[in-house]
């Protein structure tokens, strides 16, 4: 049975990279929150914000990731 294929060039979208970083940050915050039995946004923010400095993304998104993780 013959198979027909073509080659397509794929250039990753910069937005996809940012979304992946955001997803990783949210998961990181959730992990920290579960490990420390954290149930408030203020406490989770204090425990995670300095740890998110390694992610190359604007600080606004870091705060949003913490908020999403708490939700």
PDB file of N, CA and C in Angstrom:
ATOM      1  N   UNK A   1       0.838  -1.167   0.000  1.00  0.00           N
ATOM      2  CA  UNK A   1       0.000   0.000   0.000  1.00  0.00           C
ATOM      3  C   UNK A   1       0.897   1.248   0.000  1.00  0.00           C
ATOM      4  N   UNK A   2       0.791   2.078  -0.988  1.00  0.00           N
ATOM      5  CA  UNK A   2       1.629   3.276  -1.050  1.00  0.00           C
ATOM      6  C   UNK A   2       1.196   4.328  -0.026  1.00  0.00           C
ATOM      7  N   UNK A   3       2.177   5.017   0.507  1.00  0.00           N
ATOM      8  CA  UNK A   3       1.911   6.070   1.481  1.00  0.00           C
ATOM      9  C   UNK A   3       2.422   7.382   0.897  1.00  0.00           C
ATOM     10  N   UNK A   4       1.572   8.372   0.928  1.00  0.00           N
ATOM     11  CA  UNK A   4       1.936   9.676   0.402  1.00  0.00           C
ATOM     12  C   UNK A   4       2.257  10.599   1.569  1.00  0.00           C
ATOM     13  N   UNK A   5       3.355  11.284   1.497  1.00  0.00           N
ATOM     14  CA  UNK A   5       3.712  12.201   2.576  1.00  0.00           C
ATOM     15  C   UNK A   5       4.328  13.468   1.997  1.00  0.00           C
ATOM     16  N   UNK A   6       4.203  14.517   2.755  1.00  0.00           N
ATOM     17  CA  UNK A   6       4.816  15.776   2.366  1.00  0.00           C
ATOM     18  C   UNK A   6       5.574  16.330   3.567  1.00  0.00           C
ATOM     19  N   UNK A   7       6.530  17.186   3.304  1.00  0.00           N
ATOM     20  CA  UNK A   7       7.302  17.799   4.375  1.00  0.00           C
ATOM     21  C   UNK A   7       6.749  19.210   4.614  1.00  0.00           C
ATOM     22  N   UNK A   8       6.488  19.510   5.877  1.00  0.00           N
ATOM     23  CA  UNK A   8       6.007  20.833   6.231  1.00  0.00           C
ATOM     24  C   UNK A   8       6.956  21.442   7.250  1.00  0.00           C
ATOM     25  N   UNK A   9       7.298  22.687   7.026  1.00  0.00           N
ATOM     26  CA  UNK A   9       8.122  23.393   7.992  1.00  0.00           C
ATOM     27  C   UNK A   9       7.238  23.902   9.117  1.00  0.00           C
ATOM     28  N   UNK A  10       7.717  23.764  10.333  1.00  0.00           N
ATOM     29  CA  UNK A  10       6.963  24.212  11.499  1.00  0.00           C
ATOM     30  C   UNK A  10       7.810  25.195  12.284  1.00  0.00           C
ATOM     31  N   UNK A  11       7.316  26.386  12.428  1.00  0.00           N
ATOM     32  CA  UNK A  11       7.984  27.371  13.273  1.00  0.00           C
ATOM     33  C   UNK A  11       7.120  27.587  14.502  1.00  0.00           C
ATOM     34  N   UNK A  12       7.649  27.276  15.665  1.00  0.00           N
ATOM     35  CA  UNK A  12       6.851  27.391  16.876  1.00  0.00           C
ATOM     36  C   UNK A  12       6.422  28.830  17.125  1.00  0.00           C
ATOM     37  N   UNK A  13       5.222  28.950  17.564  1.00  0.00           N
ATOM     38  CA  UNK A  13       4.633  30.243  17.864  1.00  0.00           C
ATOM     39  C   UNK A  13       5.166  30.746  19.213  1.00  0.00           C
ATOM     40  N   UNK A  14       5.577  32.007  19.322  1.00  0.00           N
ATOM     41  CA  UNK A  14       6.085  32.511  20.608  1.00  0.00           C
ATOM     42  C   UNK A  14       5.032  32.435  21.719  1.00  0.00           C
ATOM     43  N   UNK A  15       3.762  32.539  21.335  1.00  0.00           N
ATOM     44  CA  UNK A  15       2.703  32.446  22.335  1.00  0.00           C
ATOM     45  C   UNK A  15       2.628  31.046  22.943  1.00  0.00           C
ATOM     46  N   UNK A  16       2.930  30.038  22.136  1.00  0.00           N
ATOM     47  CA  UNK A  16       2.913  28.665  22.651  1.00  0.00           C
ATOM     48  C   UNK A  16       3.986  28.479  23.710  1.00  0.00           C
ATOM     49  N   UNK A  17       5.138  29.071  23.497  1.00  0.00           N
ATOM     50  CA  UNK A  17       6.232  28.981  24.478  1.00  0.00           C
ATOM     51  C   UNK A  17       5.822  29.657  25.782  1.00  0.00           C
ATOM     52  N   UNK A  18       5.191  30.821  25.674  1.00  0.00           N
ATOM     53  CA  UNK A  18       4.755  31.541  26.865  1.00  0.00           C
ATOM     54  C   UNK A  18       3.681  30.747  27.617  1.00  0.00           C
ATOM     55  N   UNK A  19       2.775  30.117  26.880  1.00  0.00           N
ATOM     56  CA  UNK A  19       1.731  29.312  27.522  1.00  0.00           C
ATOM     57  C   UNK A  19       2.331  28.107  28.237  1.00  0.00           C
ATOM     58  N   UNK A  20       3.355  27.519  27.654  1.00  0.00           N
ATOM     59  CA  UNK A  20       4.023  26.378  28.284  1.00  0.00           C
ATOM     60  C   UNK A  20       4.723  26.805  29.570  1.00  0.00           C
ATOM     61  N   UNK A  21       5.385  27.954  29.548  1.00  0.00           N
ATOM     62  CA  UNK A  21       6.039  28.476  30.753  1.00  0.00           C
ATOM     63  C   UNK A  21       4.998  28.742  31.829  1.00  0.00           C
ATOM     64  N   UNK A  22       3.866  29.332  31.441  1.00  0.00           N
ATOM     65  CA  UNK A  22       2.808  29.621  32.398  1.00  0.00           C
ATOM     66  C   UNK A  22       2.275  28.332  33.029  1.00  0.00           C
ATOM     67  N   UNK A  23       2.068  27.313  32.207  1.00  0.00           N
ATOM     68  CA  UNK A  23       1.587  26.020  32.714  1.00  0.00           C
ATOM     69  C   UNK A  23       2.576  25.427  33.713  1.00  0.00           C
ATOM     70  N   UNK A  24       3.856  25.509  33.405  1.00  0.00           N
ATOM     71  CA  UNK A  24       4.877  24.993  34.311  1.00  0.00           C
ATOM     72  C   UNK A  24       4.879  25.749  35.634  1.00  0.00           C
ATOM     73  N   UNK A  25       4.696  27.076  35.565  1.00  0.00           N
ATOM     74  CA  UNK A  25       4.665  27.879  36.790  1.00  0.00           C
ATOM     75  C   UNK A  25       3.467  27.511  37.665  1.00  0.00           C
ATOM     76  N   UNK A  26       2.305  27.346  37.047  1.00  0.00           N
ATOM     77  CA  UNK A  26       1.112  26.969  37.809  1.00  0.00           C
ATOM     78  C   UNK A  26       1.323  25.615  38.474  1.00  0.00           C
ATOM     79  N   UNK A  27       1.851  24.661  37.731  1.00  0.00           N
ATOM     80  CA  UNK A  27       2.105  23.334  38.306  1.00  0.00           C
ATOM     81  C   UNK A  27       3.120  23.407  39.443  1.00  0.00           C
ATOM     82  N   UNK A  28       4.131  24.241  39.293  1.00  0.00           N
ATOM     83  CA  UNK A  28       5.138  24.417  40.346  1.00  0.00           C
ATOM     84  C   UNK A  28       4.484  24.965  41.618  1.00  0.00           C
ATOM     85  N   UNK A  29       3.632  25.965  41.444  1.00  0.00           N
ATOM     86  CA  UNK A  29       2.936  26.559  42.599  1.00  0.00           C
ATOM     87  C   UNK A  29       1.991  25.555  43.267  1.00  0.00           C
ATOM     88  N   UNK A  30       1.293  24.781  42.467  1.00  0.00           N
ATOM     89  CA  UNK A  30       0.390  23.764  43.025  1.00  0.00           C
ATOM     90  C   UNK A  30       1.188  22.758  43.840  1.00  0.00           C
ATOM     91  N   UNK A  31       2.324  22.326  43.294  1.00  0.00           N
ATOM     92  CA  UNK A  31       3.173  21.354  43.995  1.00  0.00           C
ATOM     93  C   UNK A  31       3.624  21.903  45.348  1.00  0.00           C
ATOM     94  N   UNK A  32       4.074  23.155  45.362  1.00  0.00           N
ATOM     95  CA  UNK A  32       4.532  23.767  46.611  1.00  0.00           C
ATOM     96  C   UNK A  32       3.369  23.914  47.589  1.00  0.00           C
ATOM     97  N   UNK A  33       2.208  24.330  47.082  1.00  0.00           N
ATOM     98  CA  UNK A  33       1.036  24.474  47.935  1.00  0.00           C
ATOM     99  C   UNK A  33       0.599  23.168  48.564  1.00  0.00           C
ATOM    100  N   UNK A  34       0.630  22.096  47.808  1.00  0.00           N
ATOM    101  CA  UNK A  34       0.241  20.788  48.341  1.00  0.00           C
ATOM    102  C   UNK A  34       1.264  20.266  49.345  1.00  0.00           C
ATOM    103  N   UNK A  35       2.538  20.471  49.065  1.00  0.00           N
ATOM    104  CA  UNK A  35       3.577  20.007  49.979  1.00  0.00           C
ATOM    105  C   UNK A  35       3.508  20.706  51.331  1.00  0.00           C
ATOM    106  N   UNK A  36       3.062  21.974  51.339  1.00  0.00           N
ATOM    107  CA  UNK A  36       3.041  22.764  52.563  1.00  0.00           C
ATOM    108  C   UNK A  36       1.636  22.966  53.130  1.00  0.00           C
ATOM    109  N   UNK A  37       0.665  22.241  52.588  1.00  0.00           N
ATOM    110  CA  UNK A  37      -0.721  22.327  53.039  1.00  0.00           C
ATOM    111  C   UNK A  37      -1.198  23.788  53.093  1.00  0.00           C
ATOM    112  N   UNK A  38      -0.987  24.491  52.000  1.00  0.00           N
ATOM    113  CA  UNK A  38      -1.303  25.915  51.914  1.00  0.00           C
ATOM    114  C   UNK A  38      -2.717  26.087  51.359  1.00  0.00           C
ATOM    115  N   UNK A  39      -3.511  26.950  52.004  1.00  0.00           N
ATOM    116  CA  UNK A  39      -4.890  27.136  51.552  1.00  0.00           C
ATOM    117  C   UNK A  39      -5.254  28.598  51.292  1.00  0.00           C
ATOM    118  N   UNK A  40      -4.327  29.530  51.472  1.00  0.00           N
ATOM    119  CA  UNK A  40      -4.643  30.930  51.220  1.00  0.00           C
ATOM    120  C   UNK A  40      -3.721  31.502  50.155  1.00  0.00           C
ATOM    121  N   UNK A  41      -4.239  32.456  49.414  1.00  0.00           N
ATOM    122  CA  UNK A  41      -3.466  33.090  48.354  1.00  0.00           C
ATOM    123  C   UNK A  41      -2.258  33.837  48.912  1.00  0.00           C
ATOM    124  N   UNK A  42      -2.449  34.510  50.009  1.00  0.00           N
ATOM    125  CA  UNK A  42      -1.350  35.280  50.599  1.00  0.00           C
ATOM    126  C   UNK A  42      -0.200  34.372  51.010  1.00  0.00           C
ATOM    127  N   UNK A  43      -0.512  33.277  51.641  1.00  0.00           N
ATOM    128  CA  UNK A  43       0.538  32.349  52.087  1.00  0.00           C
ATOM    129  C   UNK A  43       1.224  31.685  50.891  1.00  0.00           C
ATOM    130  N   UNK A  44       0.425  31.273  49.902  1.00  0.00           N
ATOM    131  CA  UNK A  44       1.010  30.650  48.716  1.00  0.00           C
ATOM    132  C   UNK A  44       1.895  31.642  47.965  1.00  0.00           C
ATOM    133  N   UNK A  45       1.454  32.884  47.881  1.00  0.00           N
ATOM    134  CA  UNK A  45       2.241  33.909  47.215  1.00  0.00           C
ATOM    135  C   UNK A  45       3.581  34.118  47.914  1.00  0.00           C
ATOM    136  N   UNK A  46       3.564  34.168  49.225  1.00  0.00           N
ATOM    137  CA  UNK A  46       4.804  34.335  49.976  1.00  0.00           C
ATOM    138  C   UNK A  46       5.761  33.171  49.819  1.00  0.00           C
ATOM    139  N   UNK A  47       5.216  31.971  49.662  1.00  0.00           N
ATOM    140  CA  UNK A  47       6.069  30.786  49.551  1.00  0.00           C
ATOM    141  C   UNK A  47       6.594  30.565  48.139  1.00  0.00           C
ATOM    142  N   UNK A  48       5.886  31.064  47.127  1.00  0.00           N
ATOM    143  CA  UNK A  48       6.253  30.701  45.757  1.00  0.00           C
ATOM    144  C   UNK A  48       6.831  31.817  44.912  1.00  0.00           C
ATOM    145  N   UNK A  49       6.525  33.065  45.215  1.00  0.00           N
ATOM    146  CA  UNK A  49       6.913  34.148  44.303  1.00  0.00           C
ATOM    147  C   UNK A  49       8.422  34.188  44.057  1.00  0.00           C
ATOM    148  N   UNK A  50       9.214  34.079  45.101  1.00  0.00           N
ATOM    149  CA  UNK A  50      10.672  34.132  44.910  1.00  0.00           C
ATOM    150  C   UNK A  50      11.200  32.911  44.158  1.00  0.00           C
ATOM    151  N   UNK A  51      10.468  31.810  44.201  1.00  0.00           N
ATOM    152  CA  UNK A  51      10.907  30.601  43.490  1.00  0.00           C
ATOM    153  C   UNK A  51      10.593  30.672  42.002  1.00  0.00           C
ATOM    154  N   UNK A  52       9.700  31.591  41.616  1.00  0.00           N
ATOM    155  CA  UNK A  52       9.342  31.724  40.207  1.00  0.00           C
ATOM    156  C   UNK A  52      10.289  32.654  39.458  1.00  0.00           C
ATOM    157  N   UNK A  53      11.318  33.161  40.116  1.00  0.00           N
ATOM    158  CA  UNK A  53      12.266  34.063  39.461  1.00  0.00           C
ATOM    159  C   UNK A  53      13.058  33.366  38.354  1.00  0.00           C
ATOM    160  N   UNK A  54      13.133  32.051  38.410  1.00  0.00           N
ATOM    161  CA  UNK A  54      13.881  31.308  37.403  1.00  0.00           C
ATOM    162  C   UNK A  54      13.168  31.277  36.048  1.00  0.00           C
ATOM    163  N   UNK A  55      11.878  31.564  36.043  1.00  0.00           N
ATOM    164  CA  UNK A  55      11.108  31.530  34.802  1.00  0.00           C
ATOM    165  C   UNK A  55      11.267  32.856  34.066  1.00  0.00           C
ATOM    166  N   UNK A  56      11.552  32.775  32.782  1.00  0.00           N
ATOM    167  CA  UNK A  56      11.780  33.962  31.959  1.00  0.00           C
ATOM    168  C   UNK A  56      10.442  34.473  31.412  1.00  0.00           C
ATOM    169  N   UNK A  57       9.713  35.170  32.276  1.00  0.00           N
ATOM    170  CA  UNK A  57       8.403  35.693  31.904  1.00  0.00           C
ATOM    171  C   UNK A  57       8.120  36.909  32.783  1.00  0.00           C
ATOM    172  N   UNK A  58       7.256  37.786  32.337  1.00  0.00           N
ATOM    173  CA  UNK A  58       6.958  39.011  33.091  1.00  0.00           C
ATOM    174  C   UNK A  58       6.361  38.678  34.463  1.00  0.00           C
ATOM    175  N   UNK A  59       6.637  39.537  35.444  1.00  0.00           N
ATOM    176  CA  UNK A  59       6.192  39.266  36.809  1.00  0.00           C
ATOM    177  C   UNK A  59       4.681  39.237  36.932  1.00  0.00           C
ATOM    178  N   UNK A  60       3.973  39.958  36.078  1.00  0.00           N
ATOM    179  CA  UNK A  60       2.508  39.923  36.104  1.00  0.00           C
ATOM    180  C   UNK A  60       2.001  38.493  35.930  1.00  0.00           C
ATOM    181  N   UNK A  61       2.622  37.748  35.021  1.00  0.00           N
ATOM    182  CA  UNK A  61       2.199  36.376  34.777  1.00  0.00           C
ATOM    183  C   UNK A  61       2.535  35.467  35.956  1.00  0.00           C
ATOM    184  N   UNK A  62       3.577  35.808  36.682  1.00  0.00           N
ATOM    185  CA  UNK A  62       3.923  35.026  37.869  1.00  0.00           C
ATOM    186  C   UNK A  62       2.826  35.156  38.919  1.00  0.00           C
ATOM    187  N   UNK A  63       2.364  36.378  39.124  1.00  0.00           N
ATOM    188  CA  UNK A  63       1.279  36.594  40.089  1.00  0.00           C
ATOM    189  C   UNK A  63      -0.004  35.896  39.634  1.00  0.00           C
ATOM    190  N   UNK A  64      -0.267  35.929  38.360  1.00  0.00           N
ATOM    191  CA  UNK A  64      -1.454  35.252  37.831  1.00  0.00           C
ATOM    192  C   UNK A  64      -1.343  33.741  37.983  1.00  0.00           C
ATOM    193  N   UNK A  65      -0.158  33.197  37.789  1.00  0.00           N
ATOM    194  CA  UNK A  65       0.051  31.752  37.958  1.00  0.00           C
ATOM    195  C   UNK A  65      -0.191  31.349  39.417  1.00  0.00           C
ATOM    196  N   UNK A  66       0.275  32.165  40.336  1.00  0.00           N
ATOM    197  CA  UNK A  66       0.053  31.873  41.760  1.00  0.00           C
ATOM    198  C   UNK A  66      -1.448  31.898  42.069  1.00  0.00           C
ATOM    199  N   UNK A  67      -2.130  32.885  41.527  1.00  0.00           N
ATOM    200  CA  UNK A  67      -3.572  32.999  41.746  1.00  0.00           C
ATOM    201  C   UNK A  67      -4.318  31.797  41.159  1.00  0.00           C
ATOM    202  N   UNK A  68      -3.936  31.379  39.966  1.00  0.00           N
ATOM    203  CA  UNK A  68      -4.568  30.215  39.348  1.00  0.00           C
ATOM    204  C   UNK A  68      -4.302  28.948  40.150  1.00  0.00           C
ATOM    205  N   UNK A  69      -3.103  28.811  40.641  1.00  0.00           N
ATOM    206  CA  UNK A  69      -2.754  27.620  41.433  1.00  0.00           C
ATOM    207  C   UNK A  69      -3.574  27.575  42.725  1.00  0.00           C
ATOM    208  N   UNK A  70      -3.787  28.725  43.326  1.00  0.00           N
ATOM    209  CA  UNK A  70      -4.558  28.771  44.552  1.00  0.00           C
ATOM    210  C   UNK A  70      -6.026  28.438  44.299  1.00  0.00           C
ATOM    211  N   UNK A  71      -6.519  28.839  43.132  1.00  0.00           N
ATOM    212  CA  UNK A  71      -7.920  28.568  42.780  1.00  0.00           C
ATOM    213  C   UNK A  71      -8.155  27.110  42.572  1.00  0.00           C
TER     214      UNK A  71
END
